[in-house]
C-alpha atoms as a PDB file:
ATOM      1  CA  MET A   1       0.016   0.013  -0.013  1.00  0.00           C
ATOM      2  CA  ARG A   2       1.245   3.369  -0.899  1.00  0.00           C
ATOM      3  CA  THR A   3       2.143   5.755   1.907  1.00  0.00           C
ATOM      4  CA  LEU A   4       1.485   9.459   1.562  1.00  0.00           C
ATOM      5  CA  TYR A   5       4.011  12.118   2.526  1.00  0.00           C
ATOM      6  CA  HIS A   6       3.128  14.265   5.526  1.00  0.00           C
ATOM      7  CA  PRO A   7       5.850  16.526   6.916  1.00  0.00           C
ATOM      8  CA  LYS A   8       6.636  16.193  10.574  1.00  0.00           C
ATOM      9  CA  THR A   9       5.447  19.194  12.627  1.00  0.00           C
ATOM     10  CA  GLU A  10       9.019  20.601  12.959  1.00  0.00           C
ATOM     11  CA  GLU A  11       9.497  20.297   9.190  1.00  0.00           C
ATOM     12  CA  ILE A  12       6.505  22.560   8.320  1.00  0.00           C
ATOM     13  CA  GLU A  13       7.773  25.793   6.947  1.00  0.00           C
ATOM     14  CA  LEU A  14       6.047  29.121   6.945  1.00  0.00           C
ATOM     15  CA  PRO A  15       6.646  30.000   3.225  1.00  0.00           C
ATOM     16  CA  THR A  16       5.296  26.644   2.133  1.00  0.00           C
ATOM     17  CA  VAL A  17       2.094  27.044   4.257  1.00  0.00           C
ATOM     18  CA  LEU A  18       1.590  30.557   2.967  1.00  0.00           C
ATOM     19  CA  TYR A  19       2.078  29.353  -0.640  1.00  0.00           C
ATOM     20  CA  ALA A  20      -0.404  26.579  -0.090  1.00  0.00           C
ATOM     21  CA  LEU A  21      -3.024  28.951   1.319  1.00  0.00           C
ATOM     22  CA  SER A  22      -2.378  31.625  -1.306  1.00  0.00           C
ATOM     23  CA  ASP A  23      -4.679  29.896  -3.765  1.00  0.00           C
ATOM     24  CA  PRO A  24      -8.372  30.816  -3.425  1.00  0.00           C
ATOM     25  CA  ILE A  25      -9.545  27.229  -3.990  1.00  0.00           C
ATOM     26  CA  ARG A  26      -7.177  25.816  -1.405  1.00  0.00           C
ATOM     27  CA  LEU A  27      -8.196  28.496   1.048  1.00  0.00           C
ATOM     28  CA  GLU A  28     -11.837  27.666   0.541  1.00  0.00           C
ATOM     29  CA  LEU A  29     -11.028  23.959   1.027  1.00  0.00           C
ATOM     30  CA  LEU A  30      -9.270  24.809   4.319  1.00  0.00           C
ATOM     31  CA  ARG A  31     -12.306  26.795   5.554  1.00  0.00           C
ATOM     32  CA  HIS A  32     -14.678  23.970   4.541  1.00  0.00           C
ATOM     33  CA  VAL A  33     -12.617  21.204   6.172  1.00  0.00           C
ATOM     34  CA  LEU A  34     -12.214  23.249   9.353  1.00  0.00           C
ATOM     35  CA  LYS A  35     -16.035  23.566   9.619  1.00  0.00           C
ATOM     36  CA  CYS A  36     -16.707  19.853   9.150  1.00  0.00           C
ATOM     37  CA  LYS A  37     -13.571  18.563  10.896  1.00  0.00           C
ATOM     38  CA  GLU A  38     -12.962  15.730   8.374  1.00  0.00           C
ATOM     39  CA  MET A  39     -14.047  15.382   4.783  1.00  0.00           C
ATOM     40  CA  ALA A  40     -13.870  12.710   2.093  1.00  0.00           C
ATOM     41  CA  CYS A  41     -11.990  14.036  -0.974  1.00  0.00           C
ATOM     42  CA  GLY A  42     -14.937  13.590  -3.261  1.00  0.00           C
ATOM     43  CA  GLU A  43     -17.401  15.102  -0.822  1.00  0.00           C
ATOM     44  CA  TYR A  44     -16.698  18.712  -1.828  1.00  0.00           C
ATOM     45  CA  ALA A  45     -19.258  19.802  -4.436  1.00  0.00           C
ATOM     46  CA  THR A  46     -17.568  21.765  -7.205  1.00  0.00           C
ATOM     47  CA  ASP A  47     -17.354  22.072 -10.926  1.00  0.00           C
ATOM     48  CA  ILE A  48     -13.589  21.864 -10.686  1.00  0.00           C
ATOM     49  CA  PRO A  49     -12.066  18.803 -12.429  1.00  0.00           C
ATOM     50  CA  LYS A  50     -11.236  15.905 -10.168  1.00  0.00           C
ATOM     51  CA  SER A  51      -7.524  16.020 -11.203  1.00  0.00           C
ATOM     52  CA  THR A  52      -7.319  19.665 -10.190  1.00  0.00           C
ATOM     53  CA  MET A  53      -8.860  18.967  -6.835  1.00  0.00           C
ATOM     54  CA  SER A  54      -6.399  16.101  -6.308  1.00  0.00           C
ATOM     55  CA  HIS A  55      -3.564  18.580  -7.019  1.00  0.00           C
ATOM     56  CA  HIS A  56      -4.972  21.040  -4.497  1.00  0.00           C
ATOM     57  CA  PHE A  57      -5.309  18.418  -1.783  1.00  0.00           C
ATOM     58  CA  LYS A  58      -1.703  17.212  -2.477  1.00  0.00           C
ATOM     59  CA  VAL A  59      -0.314  20.763  -2.131  1.00  0.00           C
ATOM     60  CA  LEU A  60      -2.207  21.207   1.210  1.00  0.00           C
ATOM     61  CA  ARG A  61      -1.032  17.828   2.433  1.00  0.00           C
ATOM     62  CA  GLU A  62       2.609  18.237   1.420  1.00  0.00           C
ATOM     63  CA  SER A  63       2.726  21.734   2.918  1.00  0.00           C
ATOM     64  CA  GLY A  64       1.635  20.343   6.220  1.00  0.00           C
ATOM     65  CA  VAL A  65      -1.718  22.087   6.329  1.00  0.00           C
ATOM     66  CA  MET A  66      -3.820  18.988   6.017  1.00  0.00           C
ATOM     67  CA  ASN A  67      -3.682  15.256   6.904  1.00  0.00           C
ATOM     68  CA  THR A  68      -4.926  12.575   4.619  1.00  0.00           C
ATOM     69  CA  ARG A  69      -6.306   9.373   6.139  1.00  0.00           C
ATOM     70  CA  LEU A  70      -6.769   6.395   3.872  1.00  0.00           C
ATOM     71  CA  ALA A  71      -9.673   4.093   4.498  1.00  0.00           C
ATOM     72  CA  GLY A  72     -10.102   1.481   1.723  1.00  0.00           C
ATOM     73  CA  THR A  73     -10.454   3.429  -1.500  1.00  0.00           C
ATOM     74  CA  GLN A  74     -11.546   6.630   0.336  1.00  0.00           C
ATOM     75  CA  ARG A  75      -9.268   9.614   1.430  1.00  0.00           C
ATOM     76  CA  PHE A  76     -10.324  11.629   4.264  1.00  0.00           C
ATOM     77  CA  MET A  77      -8.884  15.137   4.828  1.00  0.00           C
ATOM     78  CA  SER A  78      -8.538  16.984   8.110  1.00  0.00           C
ATOM     79  CA  VAL A  79      -6.659  20.129   9.011  1.00  0.00           C
ATOM     80  CA  ARG A  80      -3.541  19.802  11.089  1.00  0.00           C
ATOM     81  CA  LYS A  81      -4.751  22.715  13.198  1.00  0.00           C
ATOM     82  CA  ASP A  82      -3.086  21.780  16.539  1.00  0.00           C
ATOM     83  CA  GLU A  83       0.187  21.087  14.859  1.00  0.00           C
ATOM     84  CA  LEU A  84       0.082  24.305  12.908  1.00  0.00           C
ATOM     85  CA  ASP A  85      -0.938  26.256  16.002  1.00  0.00           C
ATOM     86  CA  SER A  86       2.026  24.785  17.941  1.00  0.00           C
ATOM     87  CA  ARG A  87       4.415  25.686  15.162  1.00  0.00           C
ATOM     88  CA  PHE A  88       2.904  29.037  14.131  1.00  0.00           C
ATOM     89  CA  PRO A  89       0.501  30.321  16.930  1.00  0.00           C
ATOM     90  CA  GLY A  90      -2.573  32.037  15.561  1.00  0.00           C
ATOM     91  CA  LEU A  91      -1.611  31.840  11.920  1.00  0.00           C
ATOM     92  CA  LEU A  92      -4.574  29.731  10.738  1.00  0.00           C
ATOM     93  CA  ASP A  93      -7.112  31.746  12.629  1.00  0.00           C
ATOM     94  CA  ALA A  94      -5.664  34.985  11.218  1.00  0.00           C
ATOM     95  CA  ILE A  95      -5.685  33.619   7.707  1.00  0.00           C
ATOM     96  CA  VAL A  96      -9.239  32.373   7.995  1.00  0.00           C
ATOM     97  CA  ARG A  97     -10.507  35.626   9.573  1.00  0.00           C
ATOM     98  CA  ALA A  98      -8.849  37.672   6.883  1.00  0.00           C
ATOM     99  CA  SER A  99     -10.314  35.480   4.092  1.00  0.00           C
ATOM    100  CA  GLU A 100     -13.822  35.754   5.578  1.00  0.00           C
ATOM    101  CA  SER A 101     -13.649  39.536   5.643  1.00  0.00           C
ATOM    102  CA  ASN A 102     -12.898  39.837   1.829  1.00  0.00           C
END
């Protein structure tokens, strides 16, 4: 079975996180997953092609923003909020607040 790359908490870098969250689609995915705690990859209703969504989820996972849990053929995404808050206190909250005010 293939293992997915998730950086360790101490390996998460601020420029990488900021890059991942600079895309409006990825930022919206973050906000959605934060609200529902965990989401299956195919659960997000959008007109965006599946391959593009897979790319966005991969960027979020490899940047350390999200965790992907494999269960059979399903992939479940969750935000690594506690880990990100320990590494960069208040960053996610500030980004989400700023994005909601736009």
